[in-house]
Amino acid sequence: MRIVFFGTPEFAADILSFLLDHKVSIVGVVTQPDRPKGRSSALVCSPVKKLVSQCAGAIPLFQPEKSSDPQFINHLQTLEAELYVVVAFGQILPQKLLDLPSLGCINIHASLLPKYRGAAPIQRCLIAGDKETGVCIQKMVRQLDAGDIIAVARTNISEDITCGELKQVLCDLSKPLLLSVLERFEKEIPTAKPQDVALVTYASKIEPEEGRIDWNQSAQSLHDLIRAFSPQPGARCFIRLGGEEKQLKILRSQVIFKKGQPGEILSSEPIVACKEMSLQLLEVQPEGKKKMLASDWFRGLRSSPQFL
């Protein structure tokens, strides 16, 4: 079976590498164009492109600015692929593209659909404090994440897992699930179950300003926010230190059953009071510095900070 793979971030590159290791016939790869990054605005390629460039043997690589570009669609058509596999590609595929492969298009989505359709399912489930999540393999349709479900794998969400860690868990969960679905396609088009539209929720894109910590919220809600924003872009608060206001990113925390006034430092561990209970800071990134243990950061201060 001839497959074209669409994907961009590390999550997609990891899955593509797995498919190649298992001798799946990838006849083409589509990823996002190189983008400027950092202060120098130097062009940086996607993890998927980097992987393809390291592969022995030439796999045709495409980087369309728009997946609706007629020339790009014509190029794909010449590959005569039977199935498209899409993993966090980053563009909505037009119907003309979805109609090309004889077996259709499938997509891996990192939630238990119909819950959390959209751009940020992993972060949104952590912010909500969910206890379970998973991955779905769905048939692709024009409407966002609305396709029928072919296969599902579930996993519990541990109390302290961060977004980065959960993303890897879901990636590892996706690999054997996808391989089993591809084996089913080798025999016939798999049956699929329609989503219950009454249960649809959406996971909108994470905006950096959502990561501002307000100590007048409960410790549990802030802990969940910190997990969802770790390691990137990082939940942040502001502190006053030596007469200056500085930003502090909090990358890992723990809920502590202590009470105090919101923002009050209750212990040098350090523990900071919230509206309900308190947070022990475990890992932080001070402004202009690398991440470190919160206890080391706090011990190294010349004066006690004020959490704003």
Protein backbone atom coordinates (compact mmCIF):
# COMPACT_ATOMS: atom_id res chain seq x y z
CA MET A 1 0.00 0.00 0.00
CA ARG A 2 1.42 3.34 -1.10
CA ILE A 3 1.16 6.06 1.59
CA VAL A 4 1.81 9.80 1.67
CA PHE A 5 2.56 11.10 5.19
CA PHE A 6 1.60 14.62 6.28
CA GLY A 7 3.15 15.99 9.50
CA THR A 8 5.27 18.74 10.99
CA PRO A 9 6.29 18.66 14.71
CA GLU A 10 8.35 16.19 16.74
CA PHE A 11 5.20 14.19 17.54
CA ALA A 12 4.70 13.54 13.81
CA ALA A 13 8.41 12.88 13.17
CA ASP A 14 8.47 10.24 15.89
CA ILE A 15 5.51 8.44 14.32
CA LEU A 16 6.99 8.70 10.81
CA SER A 17 10.25 7.22 12.07
CA PHE A 18 8.28 4.32 13.56
CA LEU A 19 6.52 3.68 10.25
CA LEU A 20 9.79 3.72 8.33
CA ASP A 21 11.37 1.33 10.85
CA HIS A 22 8.47 -1.04 10.22
CA LYS A 23 8.98 -0.89 6.44
CA VAL A 24 5.70 0.91 5.72
CA SER A 25 5.73 2.14 2.12
CA ILE A 26 5.99 5.93 2.40
CA VAL A 27 6.09 7.30 -1.14
CA GLY A 28 5.98 10.97 -0.19
CA VAL A 29 6.10 13.30 2.83
CA VAL A 30 4.41 16.67 3.21
CA THR A 31 5.44 19.15 5.91
CA GLN A 32 5.24 22.86 6.62
CA PRO A 33 7.68 25.30 4.95
CA ASP A 34 10.82 26.34 6.83
CA ARG A 35 9.99 29.15 9.27
CA PRO A 36 12.08 31.94 10.85
CA LYS A 37 12.90 31.31 14.49
CA GLY A 38 14.68 33.06 17.34
CA ARG A 39 16.25 36.51 17.48
CA SER A 40 18.20 35.94 14.28
CA SER A 41 15.02 34.90 12.40
CA ALA A 42 17.06 32.19 10.71
CA LEU A 43 14.96 29.70 8.76
CA VAL A 44 14.44 26.43 10.65
CA CYS A 45 13.05 23.25 9.12
CA SER A 46 10.41 21.10 10.78
CA PRO A 47 11.35 17.92 12.69
CA VAL A 48 9.65 15.90 9.95
CA LYS A 49 11.80 17.49 7.24
CA LYS A 50 14.90 16.94 9.34
CA LEU A 51 14.05 13.25 9.67
CA VAL A 52 13.43 12.81 5.95
CA SER A 53 16.75 14.48 5.13
CA GLN A 54 18.52 11.89 7.28
CA CYS A 55 16.80 8.90 5.69
CA ALA A 56 18.71 6.55 3.45
CA GLY A 57 17.01 6.61 0.07
CA ALA A 58 15.16 9.57 -1.35
CA ILE A 59 11.59 10.14 -0.17
CA PRO A 60 9.92 12.95 -2.13
CA LEU A 61 9.37 15.90 0.23
CA PHE A 62 6.83 18.69 -0.29
CA GLN A 63 6.51 21.95 1.65
CA PRO A 64 3.51 23.81 0.25
CA GLU A 65 2.72 27.24 1.64
CA LYS A 66 -0.91 26.29 1.03
CA SER A 67 -2.14 22.72 0.64
CA SER A 68 -4.72 24.00 -1.84
CA ASP A 69 -2.00 25.01 -4.32
CA PRO A 70 -2.91 23.38 -7.69
CA GLN A 71 0.70 22.62 -8.60
CA PHE A 72 1.25 20.85 -5.28
CA ILE A 73 -1.94 18.80 -5.72
CA ASN A 74 -0.82 17.80 -9.22
CA HIS A 75 2.54 16.65 -7.87
CA LEU A 76 0.84 14.51 -5.22
CA GLN A 77 -1.43 12.98 -7.80
CA THR A 78 1.58 11.65 -9.72
CA LEU A 79 2.62 9.61 -6.65
CA GLU A 80 -0.53 7.48 -7.02
CA ALA A 81 -0.83 7.01 -3.26
CA GLU A 82 -3.64 4.83 -1.98
CA LEU A 83 -3.82 6.38 1.51
CA TYR A 84 -2.84 9.66 3.19
CA VAL A 85 -1.80 9.59 6.85
CA VAL A 86 -1.99 12.98 8.59
CA VAL A 87 -0.37 13.69 11.97
CA ALA A 88 -0.31 17.30 13.23
CA PHE A 89 0.37 18.72 9.78
CA GLY A 90 -0.80 22.24 10.60
CA GLN A 91 -2.95 23.02 7.57
CA ILE A 92 -6.53 22.17 6.66
CA LEU A 93 -6.61 19.91 3.61
CA PRO A 94 -9.00 20.92 0.82
CA GLN A 95 -11.61 18.47 -0.41
CA LYS A 96 -9.80 18.09 -3.73
CA LEU A 97 -6.79 16.75 -1.85
CA LEU A 98 -8.86 14.49 0.41
CA ASP A 99 -10.42 12.92 -2.67
CA LEU A 100 -7.11 11.91 -4.30
CA PRO A 101 -6.14 8.64 -2.55
CA SER A 102 -8.29 5.62 -3.42
CA LEU A 103 -8.53 4.49 0.23
CA GLY A 104 -9.07 7.96 1.63
CA CYS A 105 -7.25 9.93 4.33
CA ILE A 106 -6.81 9.15 8.02
CA ASN A 107 -5.69 11.37 10.87
CA ILE A 108 -4.29 10.78 14.35
CA HIS A 109 -5.88 13.12 16.89
CA ALA A 110 -4.61 13.35 20.48
CA SER A 111 -7.93 13.25 22.32
CA LEU A 112 -10.93 11.01 22.86
CA LEU A 113 -13.11 12.43 20.12
CA PRO A 114 -15.61 14.03 19.95
CA LYS A 115 -14.03 15.71 22.99
CA TYR A 116 -11.40 18.36 22.27
CA ARG A 117 -11.57 18.78 18.53
CA GLY A 118 -9.10 21.40 17.38
CA ALA A 119 -5.57 22.67 17.84
CA ALA A 120 -4.66 22.05 21.50
CA PRO A 121 -6.31 18.88 22.85
CA ILE A 122 -3.42 17.87 25.12
CA GLN A 123 -3.10 21.26 26.81
CA ARG A 124 -6.86 21.68 27.17
CA CYS A 125 -7.39 18.32 28.85
CA LEU A 126 -4.67 19.17 31.40
CA ILE A 127 -6.11 22.62 32.10
CA ALA A 128 -9.49 20.96 32.68
CA GLY A 129 -7.95 18.51 35.14
CA ASP A 130 -9.12 15.45 33.17
CA LYS A 131 -8.20 12.03 34.53
CA GLU A 132 -8.24 10.22 31.17
CA THR A 133 -7.33 10.95 27.57
CA GLY A 134 -6.17 9.04 24.53
CA VAL A 135 -5.72 9.04 20.77
CA CYS A 136 -8.19 8.46 17.95
CA ILE A 137 -7.58 7.48 14.37
CA GLN A 138 -10.33 8.97 12.26
CA LYS A 139 -11.33 9.20 8.63
CA MET A 140 -10.70 12.73 7.44
CA VAL A 141 -13.50 14.99 6.27
CA ARG A 142 -13.56 18.68 5.43
CA GLN A 143 -15.02 19.66 8.82
CA LEU A 144 -12.44 19.97 11.61
CA ASP A 145 -11.82 16.62 13.38
CA ALA A 146 -15.36 15.48 12.56
CA GLY A 147 -14.55 12.22 10.77
CA ASP A 148 -15.77 8.77 11.78
CA ILE A 149 -13.57 6.96 14.31
CA ILE A 150 -11.65 3.88 13.15
CA ALA A 151 -9.69 3.08 16.33
CA VAL A 152 -9.15 4.42 19.86
CA ALA A 153 -6.49 3.93 22.57
CA ARG A 154 -6.94 5.30 26.09
CA THR A 155 -4.61 6.22 28.95
CA ASN A 156 -4.96 7.60 32.45
CA ILE A 157 -3.54 11.06 33.20
CA SER A 158 -1.31 11.04 36.28
CA GLU A 159 -1.61 13.91 38.74
CA ASP A 160 1.79 15.44 38.02
CA ILE A 161 2.40 14.70 34.33
CA THR A 162 3.30 17.72 32.19
CA CYS A 163 2.18 18.48 28.66
CA GLY A 164 5.55 17.45 27.24
CA GLU A 165 5.44 14.12 29.08
CA LEU A 166 1.81 13.41 28.16
CA LYS A 167 2.53 14.22 24.53
CA GLN A 168 5.19 11.50 24.48
CA VAL A 169 2.83 9.01 26.15
CA LEU A 170 0.20 9.70 23.48
CA CYS A 171 2.78 9.49 20.70
CA ASP A 172 3.90 6.06 21.94
CA LEU A 173 0.25 5.02 22.22
CA SER A 174 -0.37 6.09 18.62
CA LYS A 175 2.36 4.01 16.99
CA PRO A 176 1.03 0.46 17.43
CA LEU A 177 -2.55 1.71 16.99
CA LEU A 178 -1.70 3.26 13.61
CA LEU A 179 0.22 0.19 12.49
CA SER A 180 -2.77 -2.04 13.30
CA VAL A 181 -5.06 0.28 11.32
CA LEU A 182 -2.71 0.21 8.32
CA GLU A 183 -2.72 -3.60 8.45
CA ARG A 184 -6.52 -3.49 8.33
CA PHE A 185 -6.37 -1.23 5.27
CA GLU A 186 -4.23 -3.83 3.52
CA LYS A 187 -7.26 -6.16 3.59
CA GLU A 188 -10.19 -3.74 3.23
CA ILE A 189 -11.32 -0.26 4.22
CA PRO A 190 -11.97 -0.51 7.99
CA THR A 191 -15.37 0.18 9.45
CA ALA A 192 -15.69 3.39 11.43
CA LYS A 193 -18.07 4.80 14.03
CA PRO A 194 -19.65 8.26 13.68
CA GLN A 195 -18.95 10.78 16.42
CA ASP A 196 -21.75 11.78 18.78
CA VAL A 197 -22.29 15.44 17.85
CA ALA A 198 -24.03 16.08 21.19
CA LEU A 199 -20.70 15.49 22.96
CA VAL A 200 -18.50 17.71 20.79
CA THR A 201 -16.14 20.13 22.55
CA TYR A 202 -13.35 22.26 21.06
CA ALA A 203 -9.73 22.78 22.08
CA SER A 204 -8.80 26.21 20.83
CA LYS A 205 -5.18 27.21 20.25
CA ILE A 206 -3.23 28.03 23.41
CA GLU A 207 -2.42 31.73 23.71
CA PRO A 208 0.64 32.79 25.77
CA GLU A 209 -1.40 35.25 27.86
CA GLU A 210 -3.45 32.33 29.21
CA GLY A 211 -0.36 31.22 31.11
CA ARG A 212 -0.37 34.14 33.56
CA ILE A 213 -0.59 32.82 37.13
CA ASP A 214 -3.09 34.49 39.44
CA TRP A 215 -2.59 33.46 43.06
CA ASN A 216 -6.25 34.26 43.75
CA GLN A 217 -7.13 31.00 41.98
CA SER A 218 -7.09 27.58 43.61
CA ALA A 219 -3.81 25.68 43.90
CA GLN A 220 -5.26 22.78 41.90
CA SER A 221 -6.32 24.98 38.96
CA LEU A 222 -2.89 26.65 38.91
CA HIS A 223 -1.13 23.28 39.13
CA ASP A 224 -3.14 22.09 36.12
CA LEU A 225 -2.28 25.29 34.23
CA ILE A 226 1.42 24.85 34.98
CA ARG A 227 1.33 21.25 33.72
CA ALA A 228 -0.45 22.31 30.51
CA PHE A 229 2.15 25.01 29.77
CA SER A 230 5.23 22.91 30.57
CA PRO A 231 7.75 22.88 29.03
CA GLN A 232 6.56 25.45 26.47
CA PRO A 233 5.60 28.28 26.57
CA GLY A 234 5.68 28.03 30.40
CA ALA A 235 3.16 29.35 32.90
CA ARG A 236 4.49 32.57 34.41
CA CYS A 237 4.06 34.86 37.36
CA PHE A 238 5.73 38.10 38.31
CA ILE A 239 7.79 38.74 41.40
CA ARG A 240 9.25 41.84 42.99
CA LEU A 241 12.88 41.29 43.89
CA GLY A 242 15.31 43.95 45.08
CA GLY A 243 12.95 46.71 43.95
CA GLU A 244 12.63 45.23 40.44
CA GLU A 245 9.72 43.37 38.87
CA LYS A 246 10.78 40.17 37.14
CA GLN A 247 9.08 37.32 35.35
CA LEU A 248 9.32 33.80 36.73
CA LYS A 249 8.20 30.75 34.77
CA ILE A 250 6.96 27.83 36.84
CA LEU A 251 7.44 24.52 35.04
CA ARG A 252 6.58 21.99 37.74
CA SER A 253 4.60 22.20 40.96
CA GLN A 254 2.77 20.26 43.66
CA VAL A 255 -0.45 21.01 45.56
CA ILE A 256 0.17 21.40 49.31
CA PHE A 257 -2.50 21.42 52.03
CA LYS A 258 -1.45 24.69 53.64
CA LYS A 259 -3.37 27.94 53.96
CA GLY A 260 -2.31 31.56 53.70
CA GLN A 261 -3.02 34.80 51.88
CA PRO A 262 -2.79 34.47 48.06
CA GLY A 263 0.82 35.08 47.01
CA GLU A 264 2.19 34.70 50.56
CA ILE A 265 5.40 32.67 50.89
CA LEU A 266 4.73 29.98 53.51
CA SER A 267 8.02 28.13 53.33
CA SER A 268 11.46 28.35 51.76
CA GLU A 269 10.85 25.10 49.86
CA PRO A 270 9.30 27.38 48.35
CA ILE A 271 5.55 27.11 49.02
CA VAL A 272 3.21 29.89 47.88
CA ALA A 273 -0.35 30.31 49.16
CA CYS A 274 -3.28 30.35 46.73
CA LYS A 275 -6.97 31.09 47.18
CA GLU A 276 -7.49 27.44 48.13
CA MET A 277 -4.51 25.52 49.51
CA SER A 278 -0.96 26.23 48.30
CA LEU A 279 1.60 25.37 45.65
CA GLN A 280 5.07 24.05 46.21
CA LEU A 281 7.25 25.20 43.33
CA LEU A 282 9.45 22.36 42.09
CA GLU A 283 11.02 23.64 38.87
CA VAL A 284 11.29 27.24 37.67
CA GLN A 285 12.95 29.35 35.02
CA PRO A 286 13.93 32.83 36.22
CA GLU A 287 13.94 35.63 33.67
CA GLY A 288 17.04 35.40 31.45
CA LYS A 289 18.20 32.09 32.95
CA LYS A 290 17.88 28.36 32.36
CA LYS A 291 15.38 26.18 34.19
CA MET A 292 16.41 24.97 37.64
CA LEU A 293 15.10 23.41 40.82
CA ALA A 294 12.90 25.92 42.62
CA SER A 295 14.63 25.18 45.92
CA ASP A 296 18.04 26.07 44.40
CA TRP A 297 16.63 29.27 42.91
CA PHE A 298 15.06 30.34 46.19
CA ARG A 299 18.19 29.55 48.24
CA GLY A 300 20.31 31.63 45.88
CA LEU A 301 18.27 34.82 46.32
CA ARG A 302 19.77 37.67 48.31
CA SER A 303 16.36 38.79 49.55
CA SER A 304 12.92 37.29 49.79
CA PRO A 305 10.77 37.85 46.69
CA GLN A 306 7.23 39.17 46.67
CA PHE A 307 4.87 37.16 44.46
CA LEU A 308 2.60 39.57 42.61
